[in-house]
């Protein structure tokens, strides 16, 4: 009788162990923690909203500079001052004045970022970069942002890549010279 109880207990232990091992084999692997998402900005345009996730790990000082400008409503009422098939650009306060159209694209906040932060990421469709004048250096970027509409690997490593459009690329495709940026804000 004692022997049959021991065998019964051993059989029960074997069933529990087999069930546990089977559960471990069929359990899905533990998910890798997601990379921390950067801050998201909302570019409110006359054609609709555009959301951009920023990459502070790639360009910390450049992203911080843009976030500081956003906090002061720097971009409110500016216009798209450069638009081509592959890119749109804004961030020049002179663009608020239609009578100074010939000067658009040459203005800024007056405080350059002061560092060269080029990214290993590629300038693909929807990426957002920190512009500077053609005769200048990346450290001279000030306030102007561009959004890539057609991938442009020729500019990889030449500009700070600040983020990527996560919503509203259809809006970016519709933007043209003179379209108003109602405001740029940090999404809560």
Protein backbone atom coordinates (compact mmCIF):
# COMPACT_ATOMS: atom_id res chain seq x y z
CA UNK A 1 0.00 0.00 0.00
CA UNK A 2 2.82 2.39 0.88
CA UNK A 3 4.60 1.41 -2.33
CA UNK A 4 1.46 2.13 -4.43
CA UNK A 5 1.10 5.57 -2.82
CA UNK A 6 4.75 6.36 -3.57
CA UNK A 7 4.26 5.29 -7.19
CA UNK A 8 1.09 7.38 -7.38
CA UNK A 9 2.92 10.43 -5.99
CA UNK A 10 5.86 9.88 -8.36
CA UNK A 11 3.45 9.58 -11.29
CA UNK A 12 1.74 12.84 -10.26
CA UNK A 13 5.11 14.60 -9.99
CA UNK A 14 6.07 13.32 -13.46
CA UNK A 15 2.80 14.64 -14.95
CA UNK A 16 3.32 18.07 -13.35
CA UNK A 17 6.93 18.19 -14.55
CA UNK A 18 5.95 17.15 -18.09
CA UNK A 19 3.16 19.75 -18.19
CA UNK A 20 5.53 22.45 -16.95
CA UNK A 21 8.20 21.55 -19.53
CA UNK A 22 5.61 21.50 -22.30
CA UNK A 23 4.34 24.92 -21.24
CA UNK A 24 7.88 26.28 -21.25
CA UNK A 25 8.51 24.94 -24.77
CA UNK A 26 5.29 26.40 -26.16
CA UNK A 27 5.52 29.73 -24.34
CA UNK A 28 6.32 32.59 -26.71
CA UNK A 29 9.78 34.09 -26.32
CA UNK A 30 10.01 37.14 -24.12
CA UNK A 31 9.52 40.30 -26.17
CA UNK A 32 12.49 42.61 -26.50
CA UNK A 33 11.86 45.97 -24.90
CA UNK A 34 10.84 48.55 -27.50
CA UNK A 35 13.28 51.34 -28.22
CA UNK A 36 12.29 54.48 -26.40
CA UNK A 37 10.27 56.67 -28.71
CA UNK A 38 11.43 60.23 -29.07
CA UNK A 39 9.23 63.28 -28.60
CA UNK A 40 6.55 63.82 -31.23
CA UNK A 41 5.88 67.21 -32.76
CA UNK A 42 2.74 68.27 -34.58
CA UNK A 43 3.20 70.51 -37.63
CA UNK A 44 -0.20 72.11 -38.18
CA UNK A 45 -0.41 73.32 -41.79
CA UNK A 46 -3.15 74.81 -43.94
CA UNK A 47 -3.26 71.47 -45.77
CA UNK A 48 -3.58 69.39 -42.57
CA UNK A 49 -1.55 68.02 -39.67
CA UNK A 50 1.81 66.24 -39.87
CA UNK A 51 3.28 64.29 -36.96
CA UNK A 52 7.02 63.78 -36.65
CA UNK A 53 8.83 61.56 -34.18
CA UNK A 54 12.16 63.15 -33.27
CA UNK A 55 15.43 61.24 -32.78
CA UNK A 56 17.20 62.94 -29.86
CA UNK A 57 19.72 60.09 -29.55
CA UNK A 58 20.93 60.79 -33.12
CA UNK A 59 21.15 64.58 -32.91
CA UNK A 60 20.71 65.67 -29.28
CA UNK A 61 21.70 69.33 -29.59
CA UNK A 62 19.85 69.84 -32.87
CA UNK A 63 16.66 68.27 -31.51
CA UNK A 64 16.97 70.32 -28.30
CA UNK A 65 17.37 73.50 -30.41
CA UNK A 66 14.20 72.72 -32.39
CA UNK A 67 12.24 71.90 -29.22
CA UNK A 68 13.34 75.23 -27.70
CA UNK A 69 12.10 77.07 -30.81
CA UNK A 70 8.80 75.18 -30.68
CA UNK A 71 8.27 76.24 -27.05
CA UNK A 72 8.44 79.89 -28.15
CA UNK A 73 5.99 79.36 -31.06
CA UNK A 74 8.82 80.33 -33.40
CA UNK A 75 7.26 78.53 -36.40
CA UNK A 76 3.76 80.02 -36.00
CA UNK A 77 2.60 81.70 -39.19
CA UNK A 78 5.67 80.91 -41.26
CA UNK A 79 5.36 79.58 -44.78
CA UNK A 80 6.87 76.84 -46.85
CA UNK A 81 9.71 78.78 -48.46
CA UNK A 82 11.11 75.99 -50.62
CA UNK A 83 9.16 73.24 -52.37
CA UNK A 84 10.31 70.80 -55.03
CA UNK A 85 9.19 67.32 -56.00
CA UNK A 86 11.59 65.76 -53.50
CA UNK A 87 11.51 68.17 -50.57
CA UNK A 88 9.67 70.91 -48.70
CA UNK A 89 11.34 73.35 -46.33
CA UNK A 90 10.25 75.87 -43.72
CA UNK A 91 11.66 77.69 -40.70
CA UNK A 92 12.46 81.17 -42.00
CA UNK A 93 10.59 83.92 -40.11
CA UNK A 94 10.98 86.25 -43.12
CA UNK A 95 8.47 83.99 -44.89
CA UNK A 96 5.66 85.60 -42.88
CA UNK A 97 6.08 88.69 -45.08
CA UNK A 98 4.79 88.13 -48.64
CA UNK A 99 6.50 91.34 -49.76
CA UNK A 100 9.91 89.83 -48.98
CA UNK A 101 9.46 86.71 -51.12
CA UNK A 102 12.89 87.15 -52.71
CA UNK A 103 14.49 86.94 -49.24
CA UNK A 104 12.72 83.76 -48.13
CA UNK A 105 15.07 80.98 -47.11
CA UNK A 106 17.84 83.21 -45.81
CA UNK A 107 16.47 83.94 -42.33
CA UNK A 108 16.48 82.09 -39.06
CA UNK A 109 16.39 82.50 -35.31
CA UNK A 110 19.83 84.13 -35.25
CA UNK A 111 21.32 81.37 -33.08
CA UNK A 112 23.02 78.55 -34.96
CA UNK A 113 23.19 75.09 -33.40
CA UNK A 114 27.00 75.17 -33.32
CA UNK A 115 27.67 71.42 -33.72
CA UNK A 116 27.84 68.97 -36.59
CA UNK A 117 25.42 66.13 -35.86
CA UNK A 118 25.14 63.98 -38.94
CA UNK A 119 23.28 60.69 -38.70
CA UNK A 120 24.03 57.18 -39.85
CA UNK A 121 20.36 56.96 -40.86
CA UNK A 122 19.41 57.43 -44.48
CA UNK A 123 17.39 60.34 -45.83
CA UNK A 124 14.43 58.27 -46.95
CA UNK A 125 10.90 59.43 -47.73
CA UNK A 126 9.47 61.16 -44.67
CA UNK A 127 12.73 61.95 -42.91
CA UNK A 128 13.18 65.40 -41.43
CA UNK A 129 16.50 67.23 -41.56
CA UNK A 130 18.06 70.40 -40.21
CA UNK A 131 18.85 72.73 -43.13
CA UNK A 132 21.68 75.19 -43.57
CA UNK A 133 22.72 77.45 -46.44
CA UNK A 134 24.66 75.76 -49.27
CA UNK A 135 27.75 77.91 -48.65
CA UNK A 136 27.79 77.06 -44.94
CA UNK A 137 28.48 74.07 -42.68
CA UNK A 138 26.16 71.75 -40.69
CA UNK A 139 27.12 73.67 -37.52
CA UNK A 140 25.41 76.72 -39.04
CA UNK A 141 21.95 75.11 -39.01
CA UNK A 142 19.61 77.46 -37.19
CA UNK A 143 15.87 76.90 -37.50
CA UNK A 144 15.02 75.64 -40.98
CA UNK A 145 13.62 72.13 -41.33
CA UNK A 146 13.15 70.07 -44.46
CA UNK A 147 11.01 67.00 -45.08
CA UNK A 148 12.08 64.53 -47.74
CA UNK A 149 9.33 63.51 -50.18
CA UNK A 150 11.56 61.29 -52.36
CA UNK A 151 14.51 59.36 -50.87
CA UNK A 152 17.75 61.29 -51.32
CA UNK A 153 20.82 59.19 -50.38
CA UNK A 154 23.06 61.90 -51.87
CA UNK A 155 22.60 64.02 -48.73
CA UNK A 156 23.29 61.22 -46.22
CA UNK A 157 25.87 62.36 -43.68
CA UNK A 158 25.63 66.01 -44.73
CA UNK A 159 22.73 67.15 -42.52
CA UNK A 160 21.44 66.38 -39.05
CA UNK A 161 18.58 63.91 -39.42
CA UNK A 162 16.10 64.97 -36.74
CA UNK A 163 13.23 62.53 -37.14
CA UNK A 164 10.63 60.98 -39.38
CA UNK A 165 7.02 61.67 -40.33
CA UNK A 166 4.77 59.12 -38.60
CA UNK A 167 1.42 60.54 -39.75
CA UNK A 168 0.47 62.97 -42.49
CA UNK A 169 2.88 62.18 -45.30
CA UNK A 170 -0.06 62.68 -47.66
CA UNK A 171 -0.22 66.26 -46.32
CA UNK A 172 3.51 66.76 -46.90
CA UNK A 173 2.99 65.66 -50.51
CA UNK A 174 0.39 68.44 -50.97
CA UNK A 175 2.45 71.28 -49.47
CA UNK A 176 3.70 73.96 -51.83
CA UNK A 177 5.59 77.22 -51.81
CA UNK A 178 3.77 79.78 -49.66
CA UNK A 179 1.56 77.34 -47.74
CA UNK A 180 1.22 78.45 -44.13
CA UNK A 181 2.55 76.58 -41.11
CA UNK A 182 -0.14 77.46 -38.56
CA UNK A 183 2.12 76.30 -35.73
CA UNK A 184 4.48 73.57 -34.60
CA UNK A 185 3.84 72.14 -31.15
CA UNK A 186 5.05 69.31 -28.96
CA UNK A 187 2.44 66.57 -28.85
CA UNK A 188 1.46 65.74 -25.26
